[in-house]
């Protein structure tokens, strides 16, 4: 029934950028300087976050729509170690990107405004995580339904 349109990464980035401009209450001049820098920041972060996903998905069979997902393969110690080290490398790269763009943002924004960017990003990440968990629970029939939606138990 409820077919939602999937947004492209570009549309998502545009929406996120507009939200940030509004959150920071930037005037037109500051927004014109901020937007391209922030969009590059988002693009680099996205590419970095996709880094490990590409490595994980290569070598595994991709599932087609309507087919049952394949069980996850059991990883060897060497494969697990490679994944852990990959996460370390990804975390370092994300930190490098954040430091690089902090210096760029600092040319346009105050430290309080930059802190507001990070707070907003964290808040958005928490919202997405909660929504993801909610949908994941619904998909597998494990979602908790509100009390009013549960069938009444027959106590005899």
N, C-alpha and C. Protein backbone atom coordinates (compact mmCIF):
# COMPACT_ATOMS: atom_id res chain seq x y z
N UNK A 1 0.83 -1.20 0.00
CA UNK A 1 0.00 0.00 0.00
C UNK A 1 0.88 1.26 0.00
N UNK A 2 1.73 1.36 1.00
CA UNK A 2 2.49 2.58 1.21
C UNK A 2 3.82 2.50 0.47
N UNK A 3 3.80 2.78 -0.83
CA UNK A 3 5.03 2.75 -1.62
C UNK A 3 5.69 4.12 -1.51
N UNK A 4 6.83 4.13 -0.83
CA UNK A 4 7.56 5.39 -0.67
C UNK A 4 8.63 5.48 -1.74
N UNK A 5 8.79 6.69 -2.23
CA UNK A 5 9.81 6.92 -3.25
C UNK A 5 11.18 6.91 -2.59
N UNK A 6 12.10 6.15 -3.19
CA UNK A 6 13.47 6.13 -2.68
C UNK A 6 14.19 7.35 -3.21
N UNK A 7 14.85 8.06 -2.31
CA UNK A 7 15.59 9.24 -2.71
C UNK A 7 16.98 8.85 -3.16
N UNK A 8 17.48 9.55 -4.16
CA UNK A 8 18.85 9.32 -4.61
C UNK A 8 19.79 9.91 -3.57
N UNK A 9 21.05 9.47 -3.56
CA UNK A 9 22.00 10.08 -2.62
C UNK A 9 22.10 11.60 -2.80
N UNK A 10 21.97 12.06 -4.05
CA UNK A 10 22.04 13.50 -4.32
C UNK A 10 20.85 14.23 -3.70
N UNK A 11 19.66 13.65 -3.83
CA UNK A 11 18.47 14.27 -3.23
C UNK A 11 18.59 14.30 -1.71
N UNK A 12 19.09 13.20 -1.16
CA UNK A 12 19.27 13.11 0.29
C UNK A 12 20.27 14.18 0.75
N UNK A 13 21.37 14.33 0.01
CA UNK A 13 22.39 15.30 0.37
C UNK A 13 21.83 16.73 0.28
N UNK A 14 21.03 16.99 -0.73
CA UNK A 14 20.41 18.31 -0.91
C UNK A 14 19.50 18.62 0.28
N UNK A 15 18.71 17.63 0.67
CA UNK A 15 17.80 17.81 1.81
C UNK A 15 18.57 18.05 3.11
N UNK A 16 19.63 17.27 3.29
CA UNK A 16 20.45 17.41 4.49
C UNK A 16 21.12 18.79 4.53
N UNK A 17 21.58 19.24 3.37
CA UNK A 17 22.23 20.55 3.28
C UNK A 17 21.24 21.66 3.62
N UNK A 18 20.05 21.58 3.04
CA UNK A 18 19.03 22.60 3.33
C UNK A 18 18.67 22.61 4.82
N UNK A 19 18.56 21.42 5.41
CA UNK A 19 18.26 21.34 6.84
C UNK A 19 19.35 22.03 7.64
N UNK A 20 20.61 21.80 7.25
CA UNK A 20 21.73 22.38 8.01
C UNK A 20 21.76 23.90 7.86
N UNK A 21 21.50 24.41 6.66
CA UNK A 21 21.46 25.86 6.45
C UNK A 21 20.39 26.48 7.34
N UNK A 22 19.23 25.83 7.42
CA UNK A 22 18.15 26.33 8.28
C UNK A 22 18.51 26.21 9.76
N UNK A 23 19.10 25.09 10.14
CA UNK A 23 19.47 24.87 11.54
C UNK A 23 20.48 25.92 12.00
N UNK A 24 21.43 26.23 11.12
CA UNK A 24 22.48 27.21 11.47
C UNK A 24 22.01 28.65 11.28
N UNK A 25 20.81 28.81 10.68
CA UNK A 25 20.24 30.14 10.41
C UNK A 25 21.23 31.03 9.66
N UNK A 26 21.74 30.50 8.55
CA UNK A 26 22.72 31.24 7.76
C UNK A 26 22.04 32.25 6.85
N UNK A 27 22.66 33.42 6.69
CA UNK A 27 22.15 34.38 5.72
C UNK A 27 22.55 33.90 4.32
N UNK A 28 22.07 34.58 3.29
CA UNK A 28 22.32 34.14 1.92
C UNK A 28 23.80 34.08 1.58
N UNK A 29 24.56 35.07 2.03
CA UNK A 29 25.99 35.12 1.71
C UNK A 29 26.74 33.95 2.37
N UNK A 30 26.47 33.70 3.63
CA UNK A 30 27.13 32.60 4.34
C UNK A 30 26.68 31.26 3.76
N UNK A 31 25.40 31.16 3.44
CA UNK A 31 24.88 29.91 2.86
C UNK A 31 25.55 29.62 1.52
N UNK A 32 25.76 30.64 0.71
CA UNK A 32 26.39 30.46 -0.60
C UNK A 32 27.81 29.93 -0.44
N UNK A 33 28.50 30.33 0.61
CA UNK A 33 29.86 29.83 0.86
C UNK A 33 29.83 28.45 1.51
N UNK A 34 28.85 28.22 2.39
CA UNK A 34 28.77 27.00 3.17
C UNK A 34 28.33 25.78 2.35
N UNK A 35 27.32 25.96 1.51
CA UNK A 35 26.68 24.84 0.81
C UNK A 35 27.68 23.98 0.03
N UNK A 36 28.51 24.55 -0.85
CA UNK A 36 29.42 23.65 -1.60
C UNK A 36 30.42 22.91 -0.69
N UNK A 37 30.88 23.58 0.36
CA UNK A 37 31.82 22.94 1.29
C UNK A 37 31.13 21.80 2.03
N UNK A 38 29.92 22.05 2.52
CA UNK A 38 29.18 21.03 3.26
C UNK A 38 28.82 19.85 2.37
N UNK A 39 28.45 20.13 1.12
CA UNK A 39 28.10 19.03 0.21
C UNK A 39 29.32 18.17 -0.10
N UNK A 40 30.49 18.78 -0.25
CA UNK A 40 31.71 18.00 -0.45
C UNK A 40 32.02 17.15 0.77
N UNK A 41 31.81 17.74 1.94
CA UNK A 41 32.00 17.03 3.21
C UNK A 41 31.10 15.79 3.27
N UNK A 42 29.82 15.98 2.97
CA UNK A 42 28.88 14.86 2.99
C UNK A 42 29.26 13.80 1.97
N UNK A 43 29.68 14.24 0.80
CA UNK A 43 30.07 13.30 -0.26
C UNK A 43 31.28 12.46 0.18
N UNK A 44 32.29 13.10 0.75
CA UNK A 44 33.47 12.37 1.19
C UNK A 44 33.14 11.40 2.32
N UNK A 45 32.30 11.84 3.25
CA UNK A 45 31.89 10.94 4.34
C UNK A 45 31.13 9.74 3.79
N UNK A 46 30.25 9.99 2.85
CA UNK A 46 29.46 8.90 2.27
C UNK A 46 30.37 7.90 1.56
N UNK A 47 31.30 8.40 0.79
CA UNK A 47 32.23 7.50 0.09
C UNK A 47 33.03 6.67 1.08
N UNK A 48 33.43 7.29 2.16
CA UNK A 48 34.20 6.59 3.18
C UNK A 48 33.35 5.52 3.86
N UNK A 49 32.12 5.83 4.15
CA UNK A 49 31.24 4.87 4.81
C UNK A 49 30.91 3.69 3.89
N UNK A 50 30.91 3.93 2.59
CA UNK A 50 30.62 2.87 1.62
C UNK A 50 31.84 1.97 1.40
N UNK A 51 33.01 2.44 1.82
CA UNK A 51 34.26 1.73 1.60
C UNK A 51 34.18 0.27 2.05
N UNK A 52 33.82 0.03 3.29
CA UNK A 52 33.76 -1.33 3.82
C UNK A 52 32.58 -2.12 3.26
N UNK A 53 31.50 -1.45 2.94
CA UNK A 53 30.35 -2.16 2.40
C UNK A 53 30.68 -2.78 1.06
N UNK A 54 31.42 -2.04 0.22
CA UNK A 54 31.81 -2.58 -1.08
C UNK A 54 32.69 -3.80 -0.90
N UNK A 55 33.61 -3.74 0.05
CA UNK A 55 34.50 -4.86 0.29
C UNK A 55 33.71 -6.07 0.80
N UNK A 56 32.75 -5.83 1.66
CA UNK A 56 31.95 -6.93 2.20
C UNK A 56 31.06 -7.55 1.13
N UNK A 57 30.48 -6.70 0.27
CA UNK A 57 29.53 -7.22 -0.71
C UNK A 57 30.24 -7.90 -1.87
N UNK A 58 31.48 -7.53 -2.17
CA UNK A 58 32.19 -8.22 -3.23
C UNK A 58 32.58 -9.60 -2.71
N UNK A 59 32.36 -10.58 -3.54
CA UNK A 59 32.66 -11.94 -3.11
C UNK A 59 31.45 -12.66 -2.55
N UNK A 60 30.39 -11.94 -2.25
CA UNK A 60 29.16 -12.58 -1.77
C UNK A 60 28.11 -12.46 -2.86
N UNK A 61 27.28 -13.47 -2.98
CA UNK A 61 26.22 -13.43 -3.98
C UNK A 61 25.20 -12.36 -3.63
N UNK A 62 24.82 -11.56 -4.60
CA UNK A 62 23.82 -10.53 -4.33
C UNK A 62 22.44 -11.15 -4.44
N UNK A 63 21.55 -10.72 -3.58
CA UNK A 63 20.21 -11.25 -3.58
C UNK A 63 19.35 -10.46 -4.54
N UNK A 64 18.50 -11.16 -5.27
CA UNK A 64 17.58 -10.49 -6.16
C UNK A 64 16.28 -10.29 -5.43
N UNK A 65 15.53 -9.29 -5.90
CA UNK A 65 14.26 -8.98 -5.26
C UNK A 65 13.33 -10.18 -5.32
N UNK A 66 12.69 -10.49 -4.22
CA UNK A 66 11.75 -11.59 -4.17
C UNK A 66 12.39 -12.91 -3.79
N UNK A 67 13.70 -12.97 -3.76
CA UNK A 67 14.38 -14.21 -3.38
C UNK A 67 14.72 -14.15 -1.90
N UNK A 68 14.78 -15.31 -1.28
CA UNK A 68 15.15 -15.35 0.13
C UNK A 68 16.62 -14.98 0.28
N UNK A 69 16.95 -14.20 1.30
CA UNK A 69 18.36 -13.86 1.51
C UNK A 69 19.15 -15.11 1.87
N UNK A 70 20.37 -15.15 1.36
CA UNK A 70 21.25 -16.27 1.65
C UNK A 70 21.78 -16.12 3.08
N UNK A 71 22.01 -17.24 3.77
CA UNK A 71 22.57 -17.13 5.12
C UNK A 71 23.97 -16.53 5.04
N UNK A 72 24.33 -15.76 6.07
CA UNK A 72 25.65 -15.13 6.09
C UNK A 72 26.71 -16.21 6.24
N UNK A 73 27.77 -16.10 5.43
CA UNK A 73 28.82 -17.11 5.55
C UNK A 73 29.56 -16.95 6.88
N UNK A 74 30.05 -18.07 7.39
CA UNK A 74 30.85 -18.03 8.62
C UNK A 74 32.25 -17.58 8.22
N UNK A 75 32.72 -16.52 8.86
CA UNK A 75 34.02 -15.97 8.50
C UNK A 75 35.14 -16.67 9.24
N UNK A 76 36.27 -16.77 8.56
CA UNK A 76 37.46 -17.31 9.21
C UNK A 76 38.04 -16.23 10.11
N UNK A 77 38.97 -16.61 10.97
CA UNK A 77 39.63 -15.62 11.83
C UNK A 77 40.34 -14.56 11.00
N UNK A 78 40.97 -14.97 9.91
CA UNK A 78 41.69 -14.01 9.05
C UNK A 78 40.72 -13.03 8.40
N UNK A 79 39.55 -13.51 7.96
CA UNK A 79 38.55 -12.63 7.36
C UNK A 79 37.98 -11.67 8.40
N UNK A 80 37.74 -12.18 9.60
CA UNK A 80 37.22 -11.33 10.67
C UNK A 80 38.24 -10.26 11.03
N UNK A 81 39.51 -10.66 11.12
CA UNK A 81 40.56 -9.70 11.43
C UNK A 81 40.65 -8.62 10.34
N UNK A 82 40.49 -9.03 9.10
CA UNK A 82 40.52 -8.08 7.98
C UNK A 82 39.37 -7.08 8.11
N UNK A 83 38.18 -7.56 8.49
CA UNK A 83 37.03 -6.67 8.68
C UNK A 83 37.29 -5.68 9.81
N UNK A 84 37.84 -6.15 10.91
CA UNK A 84 38.10 -5.27 12.06
C UNK A 84 39.11 -4.20 11.67
N UNK A 85 40.18 -4.61 10.99
CA UNK A 85 41.19 -3.64 10.56
C UNK A 85 40.61 -2.66 9.54
N UNK A 86 39.70 -3.15 8.72
CA UNK A 86 39.02 -2.27 7.77
C UNK A 86 38.20 -1.20 8.48
N UNK A 87 37.55 -1.59 9.58
CA UNK A 87 36.78 -0.62 10.37
C UNK A 87 37.69 0.42 11.01
N UNK A 88 38.86 -0.03 11.49
CA UNK A 88 39.83 0.92 12.05
C UNK A 88 40.24 1.94 10.98
N UNK A 89 40.57 1.45 9.80
CA UNK A 89 41.00 2.33 8.71
C UNK A 89 39.88 3.30 8.33
N UNK A 90 38.65 2.80 8.31
CA UNK A 90 37.51 3.64 7.98
C UNK A 90 37.33 4.72 9.05
N UNK A 91 37.45 4.36 10.31
CA UNK A 91 37.31 5.33 11.40
C UNK A 91 38.37 6.42 11.31
N UNK A 92 39.60 6.01 11.00
CA UNK A 92 40.68 7.00 10.83
C UNK A 92 40.38 7.95 9.69
N UNK A 93 39.89 7.40 8.59
CA UNK A 93 39.59 8.22 7.42
C UNK A 93 38.45 9.19 7.72
N UNK A 94 37.44 8.73 8.43
CA UNK A 94 36.34 9.62 8.81
C UNK A 94 36.85 10.76 9.68
N UNK A 95 37.72 10.43 10.63
CA UNK A 95 38.30 11.46 11.48
C UNK A 95 39.11 12.46 10.65
N UNK A 96 39.89 11.97 9.70
CA UNK A 96 40.66 12.86 8.83
C UNK A 96 39.74 13.80 8.05
N UNK A 97 38.64 13.26 7.53
CA UNK A 97 37.68 14.07 6.78
C UNK A 97 37.08 15.13 7.69
N UNK A 98 36.69 14.72 8.89
CA UNK A 98 36.08 15.68 9.83
C UNK A 98 37.06 16.78 10.20
N UNK A 99 38.33 16.45 10.42
CA UNK A 99 39.33 17.47 10.74
C UNK A 99 39.56 18.40 9.55
N UNK A 100 39.66 17.82 8.37
CA UNK A 100 39.87 18.62 7.15
C UNK A 100 38.75 19.64 7.00
N UNK A 101 37.51 19.17 7.12
CA UNK A 101 36.37 20.05 6.90
C UNK A 101 36.12 20.97 8.09
N UNK A 102 36.57 20.61 9.28
CA UNK A 102 36.49 21.54 10.40
C UNK A 102 37.24 22.81 10.02
N UNK A 103 38.43 22.63 9.46
CA UNK A 103 39.23 23.79 9.07
C UNK A 103 38.56 24.60 7.96
N UNK A 104 37.85 23.93 7.06
CA UNK A 104 37.10 24.63 6.01
C UNK A 104 35.88 25.35 6.60
N UNK A 105 35.14 24.66 7.47
CA UNK A 105 33.97 25.27 8.10
C UNK A 105 34.37 26.48 8.93
N UNK A 106 35.53 26.38 9.56
CA UNK A 106 36.00 27.45 10.46
C UNK A 106 36.19 28.77 9.71
N UNK A 107 36.43 28.70 8.40
CA UNK A 107 36.57 29.92 7.58
C UNK A 107 35.23 30.60 7.36
N UNK A 108 34.15 29.87 7.60
CA UNK A 108 32.79 30.38 7.32
C UNK A 108 31.97 30.52 8.59
N UNK A 109 32.15 29.58 9.53
CA UNK A 109 31.28 29.46 10.70
C UNK A 109 32.04 29.66 12.01
N UNK A 110 31.27 29.90 13.06
CA UNK A 110 31.85 29.98 14.41
C UNK A 110 31.98 28.56 14.97
N UNK A 111 32.81 28.38 15.99
CA UNK A 111 32.91 27.05 16.62
C UNK A 111 31.55 26.55 17.13
N UNK A 112 30.72 27.44 17.64
CA UNK A 112 29.40 27.01 18.13
C UNK A 112 28.54 26.49 16.98
N UNK A 113 28.63 27.12 15.81
CA UNK A 113 27.87 26.65 14.66
C UNK A 113 28.39 25.29 14.19
N UNK A 114 29.70 25.12 14.23
CA UNK A 114 30.28 23.83 13.83
C UNK A 114 29.84 22.73 14.80
N UNK A 115 29.84 23.07 16.10
CA UNK A 115 29.37 22.09 17.09
C UNK A 115 27.91 21.74 16.81
N UNK A 116 27.13 22.71 16.36
CA UNK A 116 25.71 22.47 16.03
C UNK A 116 25.59 21.50 14.85
N UNK A 117 26.52 21.58 13.89
CA UNK A 117 26.53 20.63 12.78
C UNK A 117 26.69 19.21 13.33
N UNK A 118 27.69 19.04 14.19
CA UNK A 118 27.97 17.70 14.74
C UNK A 118 26.81 17.20 15.60
N UNK A 119 26.20 18.09 16.38
CA UNK A 119 25.05 17.69 17.21
C UNK A 119 23.88 17.25 16.32
N UNK A 120 23.63 18.01 15.26
CA UNK A 120 22.53 17.69 14.36
C UNK A 120 22.78 16.36 13.64
N UNK A 121 24.04 16.15 13.21
CA UNK A 121 24.38 14.89 12.55
C UNK A 121 24.16 13.71 13.49
N UNK A 122 24.57 13.87 14.75
CA UNK A 122 24.40 12.79 15.72
C UNK A 122 22.91 12.51 15.96
N UNK A 123 22.14 13.57 16.09
CA UNK A 123 20.70 13.43 16.29
C UNK A 123 20.04 12.72 15.10
N UNK A 124 20.42 13.13 13.89
CA UNK A 124 19.87 12.49 12.69
C UNK A 124 20.26 11.02 12.63
N UNK A 125 21.51 10.71 12.96
CA UNK A 125 21.97 9.31 12.94
C UNK A 125 21.15 8.47 13.92
N UNK A 126 20.86 9.03 15.09
CA UNK A 126 20.04 8.30 16.08
C UNK A 126 18.63 8.07 15.56
N UNK A 127 18.06 9.08 14.89
CA UNK A 127 16.72 8.93 14.32
C UNK A 127 16.71 7.84 13.26
N UNK A 128 17.71 7.85 12.39
CA UNK A 128 17.78 6.84 11.34
C UNK A 128 17.97 5.45 11.92
N UNK A 129 18.80 5.35 12.96
CA UNK A 129 19.04 4.05 13.57
C UNK A 129 17.75 3.51 14.17
N UNK A 130 17.01 4.38 14.88
CA UNK A 130 15.75 3.94 15.48
C UNK A 130 14.75 3.51 14.41
N UNK A 131 14.67 4.30 13.33
CA UNK A 131 13.75 3.95 12.25
C UNK A 131 14.16 2.65 11.57
N UNK A 132 15.46 2.47 11.36
CA UNK A 132 15.97 1.23 10.77
C UNK A 132 15.61 0.04 11.65
N UNK A 133 15.85 0.18 12.95
CA UNK A 133 15.52 -0.90 13.88
C UNK A 133 14.03 -1.20 13.88
N UNK A 134 13.23 -0.14 13.81
CA UNK A 134 11.77 -0.31 13.80
C UNK A 134 11.35 -1.07 12.54
N UNK A 135 11.88 -0.68 11.39
CA UNK A 135 11.51 -1.35 10.14
C UNK A 135 12.04 -2.78 10.09
N UNK A 136 13.23 -2.98 10.60
CA UNK A 136 13.82 -4.31 10.63
C UNK A 136 12.95 -5.23 11.47
N UNK A 137 12.49 -4.73 12.60
CA UNK A 137 11.61 -5.51 13.47
C UNK A 137 10.30 -5.84 12.80
N UNK A 138 9.74 -4.90 12.06
CA UNK A 138 8.48 -5.15 11.37
C UNK A 138 8.64 -6.17 10.27
N UNK A 139 9.74 -6.08 9.54
CA UNK A 139 9.98 -6.95 8.40
C UNK A 139 9.99 -8.41 8.81
N UNK A 140 10.60 -8.68 9.95
CA UNK A 140 10.76 -10.05 10.39
C UNK A 140 9.69 -10.47 11.39
N UNK A 141 8.67 -9.65 11.55
CA UNK A 141 7.59 -9.99 12.45
C UNK A 141 7.99 -9.92 13.91
N UNK A 142 9.11 -9.23 14.20
CA UNK A 142 9.56 -9.15 15.58
C UNK A 142 9.31 -7.77 16.18
N UNK A 143 8.69 -6.89 15.39
CA UNK A 143 8.45 -5.54 15.88
C UNK A 143 7.44 -5.55 17.00
N UNK A 144 7.61 -4.68 17.94
CA UNK A 144 6.66 -4.60 19.05
C UNK A 144 5.49 -3.73 18.62
N UNK A 145 4.32 -4.29 18.75
CA UNK A 145 3.12 -3.53 18.40
C UNK A 145 2.65 -2.78 19.64
N UNK A 146 2.03 -1.63 19.43
CA UNK A 146 1.48 -0.92 20.58
C UNK A 146 0.42 -1.76 21.28
N UNK A 147 0.24 -1.53 22.55
CA UNK A 147 -0.68 -2.34 23.37
C UNK A 147 -2.09 -2.38 22.77
N UNK A 148 -2.54 -1.26 22.19
CA UNK A 148 -3.90 -1.22 21.65
C UNK A 148 -4.03 -2.08 20.39
N UNK A 149 -2.93 -2.47 19.75
CA UNK A 149 -2.99 -3.27 18.54
C UNK A 149 -2.84 -4.77 18.82
N UNK A 150 -2.50 -5.12 20.04
CA UNK A 150 -2.34 -6.54 20.38
C UNK A 150 -3.71 -7.18 20.59
N UNK A 151 -3.83 -8.45 20.17
CA UNK A 151 -5.12 -9.12 20.39
C UNK A 151 -5.30 -9.38 21.90
N UNK A 152 -6.54 -9.27 22.33
CA UNK A 152 -6.83 -9.49 23.74
C UNK A 152 -6.64 -10.97 24.06
N UNK A 153 -6.04 -11.27 25.18
CA UNK A 153 -5.82 -12.67 25.56
C UNK A 153 -7.11 -13.20 26.19
N UNK A 154 -7.33 -14.48 25.97
CA UNK A 154 -8.52 -15.12 26.55
C UNK A 154 -8.15 -15.74 27.88
N UNK A 155 -8.51 -15.06 28.95
CA UNK A 155 -8.25 -15.60 30.29
C UNK A 155 -9.50 -16.32 30.76
N UNK A 156 -9.39 -17.66 30.82
CA UNK A 156 -10.57 -18.44 31.25
C UNK A 156 -10.35 -19.08 32.58
